C-alpha atoms as a PDB file:
ATOM      1  CA  UNK A   1     138.367 -54.631 160.196  1.00  0.00           C
ATOM      2  CA  UNK A   2     138.790 -52.704 163.268  1.00  0.00           C
ATOM      3  CA  UNK A   3     140.925 -53.665 166.300  1.00  0.00           C
ATOM      4  CA  UNK A   4     138.239 -54.593 168.478  1.00  0.00           C
ATOM      5  CA  UNK A   5     136.652 -57.091 165.988  1.00  0.00           C
ATOM      6  CA  UNK A   6     140.163 -58.613 165.654  1.00  0.00           C
ATOM      7  CA  UNK A   7     140.448 -58.994 169.274  1.00  0.00           C
ATOM      8  CA  UNK A   8     137.107 -60.418 169.672  1.00  0.00           C
ATOM      9  CA  UNK A   9     137.975 -62.923 166.893  1.00  0.00           C
ATOM     10  CA  UNK A  10     141.245 -63.931 168.699  1.00  0.00           C
ATOM     11  CA  UNK A  11     139.790 -64.731 172.070  1.00  0.00           C
ATOM     12  CA  UNK A  12     138.562 -68.191 171.432  1.00  0.00           C
ATOM     13  CA  UNK A  13     141.804 -69.140 169.526  1.00  0.00           C
ATOM     14  CA  UNK A  14     143.893 -68.005 172.364  1.00  0.00           C
ATOM     15  CA  UNK A  15     141.633 -69.649 174.838  1.00  0.00           C
ATOM     16  CA  UNK A  16     142.298 -73.125 172.787  1.00  0.00           C
ATOM     17  CA  UNK A  17     146.006 -72.532 172.824  1.00  0.00           C
ATOM     18  CA  UNK A  18     146.135 -72.013 176.534  1.00  0.00           C
ATOM     19  CA  UNK A  19     143.804 -75.064 177.288  1.00  0.00           C
ATOM     20  CA  UNK A  20     145.847 -77.107 174.956  1.00  0.00           C
ATOM     21  CA  UNK A  21     149.156 -75.946 176.592  1.00  0.00           C
ATOM     22  CA  UNK A  22     147.850 -76.763 180.077  1.00  0.00           C
ATOM     23  CA  UNK A  23     146.856 -80.283 178.884  1.00  0.00           C
ATOM     24  CA  UNK A  24     149.935 -80.731 177.286  1.00  0.00           C
ATOM     25  CA  UNK A  25     152.194 -79.695 180.146  1.00  0.00           C
ATOM     26  CA  UNK A  26     150.061 -81.990 182.273  1.00  0.00           C
ATOM     27  CA  UNK A  27     150.603 -84.737 179.835  1.00  0.00           C
ATOM     28  CA  UNK A  28     154.346 -84.043 180.270  1.00  0.00           C
ATOM     29  CA  UNK A  29     154.155 -84.183 184.085  1.00  0.00           C
ATOM     30  CA  UNK A  30     155.237 -80.619 184.143  1.00  0.00           C
ATOM     31  CA  UNK A  31     152.027 -79.398 185.896  1.00  0.00           C
ATOM     32  CA  UNK A  32     150.228 -81.784 188.376  1.00  0.00           C
ATOM     33  CA  UNK A  33     146.643 -81.921 188.490  1.00  0.00           C
ATOM     34  CA  UNK A  34     146.690 -81.294 192.265  1.00  0.00           C
ATOM     35  CA  UNK A  35     147.191 -77.602 191.512  1.00  0.00           C
ATOM     36  CA  UNK A  36     143.781 -77.214 189.824  1.00  0.00           C
ATOM     37  CA  UNK A  37     141.745 -76.713 192.887  1.00  0.00           C
ATOM     38  CA  UNK A  38     143.769 -73.717 193.560  1.00  0.00           C
ATOM     39  CA  UNK A  39     143.394 -72.429 190.095  1.00  0.00           C
ATOM     40  CA  UNK A  40     139.600 -72.960 189.972  1.00  0.00           C
ATOM     41  CA  UNK A  41     139.308 -71.305 193.276  1.00  0.00           C
ATOM     42  CA  UNK A  42     141.209 -68.142 191.827  1.00  0.00           C
ATOM     43  CA  UNK A  43     139.224 -68.113 188.566  1.00  0.00           C
ATOM     44  CA  UNK A  44     137.551 -64.632 189.445  1.00  0.00           C
ATOM     45  CA  UNK A  45     140.977 -63.030 189.346  1.00  0.00           C
ATOM     46  CA  UNK A  46     140.822 -63.780 185.546  1.00  0.00           C
ATOM     47  CA  UNK A  47     137.477 -62.196 185.154  1.00  0.00           C
ATOM     48  CA  UNK A  48     138.390 -59.065 187.210  1.00  0.00           C
ATOM     49  CA  UNK A  49     141.728 -58.776 185.043  1.00  0.00           C
ATOM     50  CA  UNK A  50     139.687 -59.180 181.714  1.00  0.00           C
ATOM     51  CA  UNK A  51     137.237 -56.358 183.037  1.00  0.00           C
ATOM     52  CA  UNK A  52     139.989 -54.135 184.100  1.00  0.00           C
ATOM     53  CA  UNK A  53     141.465 -54.799 180.562  1.00  0.00           C
ATOM     54  CA  UNK A  54     138.278 -53.546 178.809  1.00  0.00           C
ATOM     55  CA  UNK A  55     137.830 -50.627 180.921  1.00  0.00           C
ATOM     56  CA  UNK A  56     141.367 -49.297 180.372  1.00  0.00           C
ATOM     57  CA  UNK A  57     140.869 -49.883 176.629  1.00  0.00           C
ATOM     58  CA  UNK A  58     137.704 -47.907 176.901  1.00  0.00           C
ATOM     59  CA  UNK A  59     139.236 -44.944 178.440  1.00  0.00           C
ATOM     60  CA  UNK A  60     142.248 -44.979 176.047  1.00  0.00           C
ATOM     61  CA  UNK A  61     139.764 -44.707 173.251  1.00  0.00           C
ATOM     62  CA  UNK A  62     137.758 -41.972 174.603  1.00  0.00           C
ATOM     63  CA  UNK A  63     140.839 -39.949 175.265  1.00  0.00           C
ATOM     64  CA  UNK A  64     141.574 -39.720 171.625  1.00  0.00           C
END
C-alpha cells in the first residue's frame, strides 16, 4: 500500500479524534464554547495549510 493511500485512509480517523478531543475538552470545561465563533471564522487557514501541505508533498515527490 502506498504512502498516499495510507495518508488518505488516516484523514477521517484523525478528524474524528480531533472532534472528539475538542468535545471532551468542552465537557471538562477546559475549552469554552465562546471561542468557537473565532475558530469558525479562521477555518480557511486550515484549508490553506492543507493545500500547502499537498503542494510540498507533490514537489518533494517530483524531485526524486
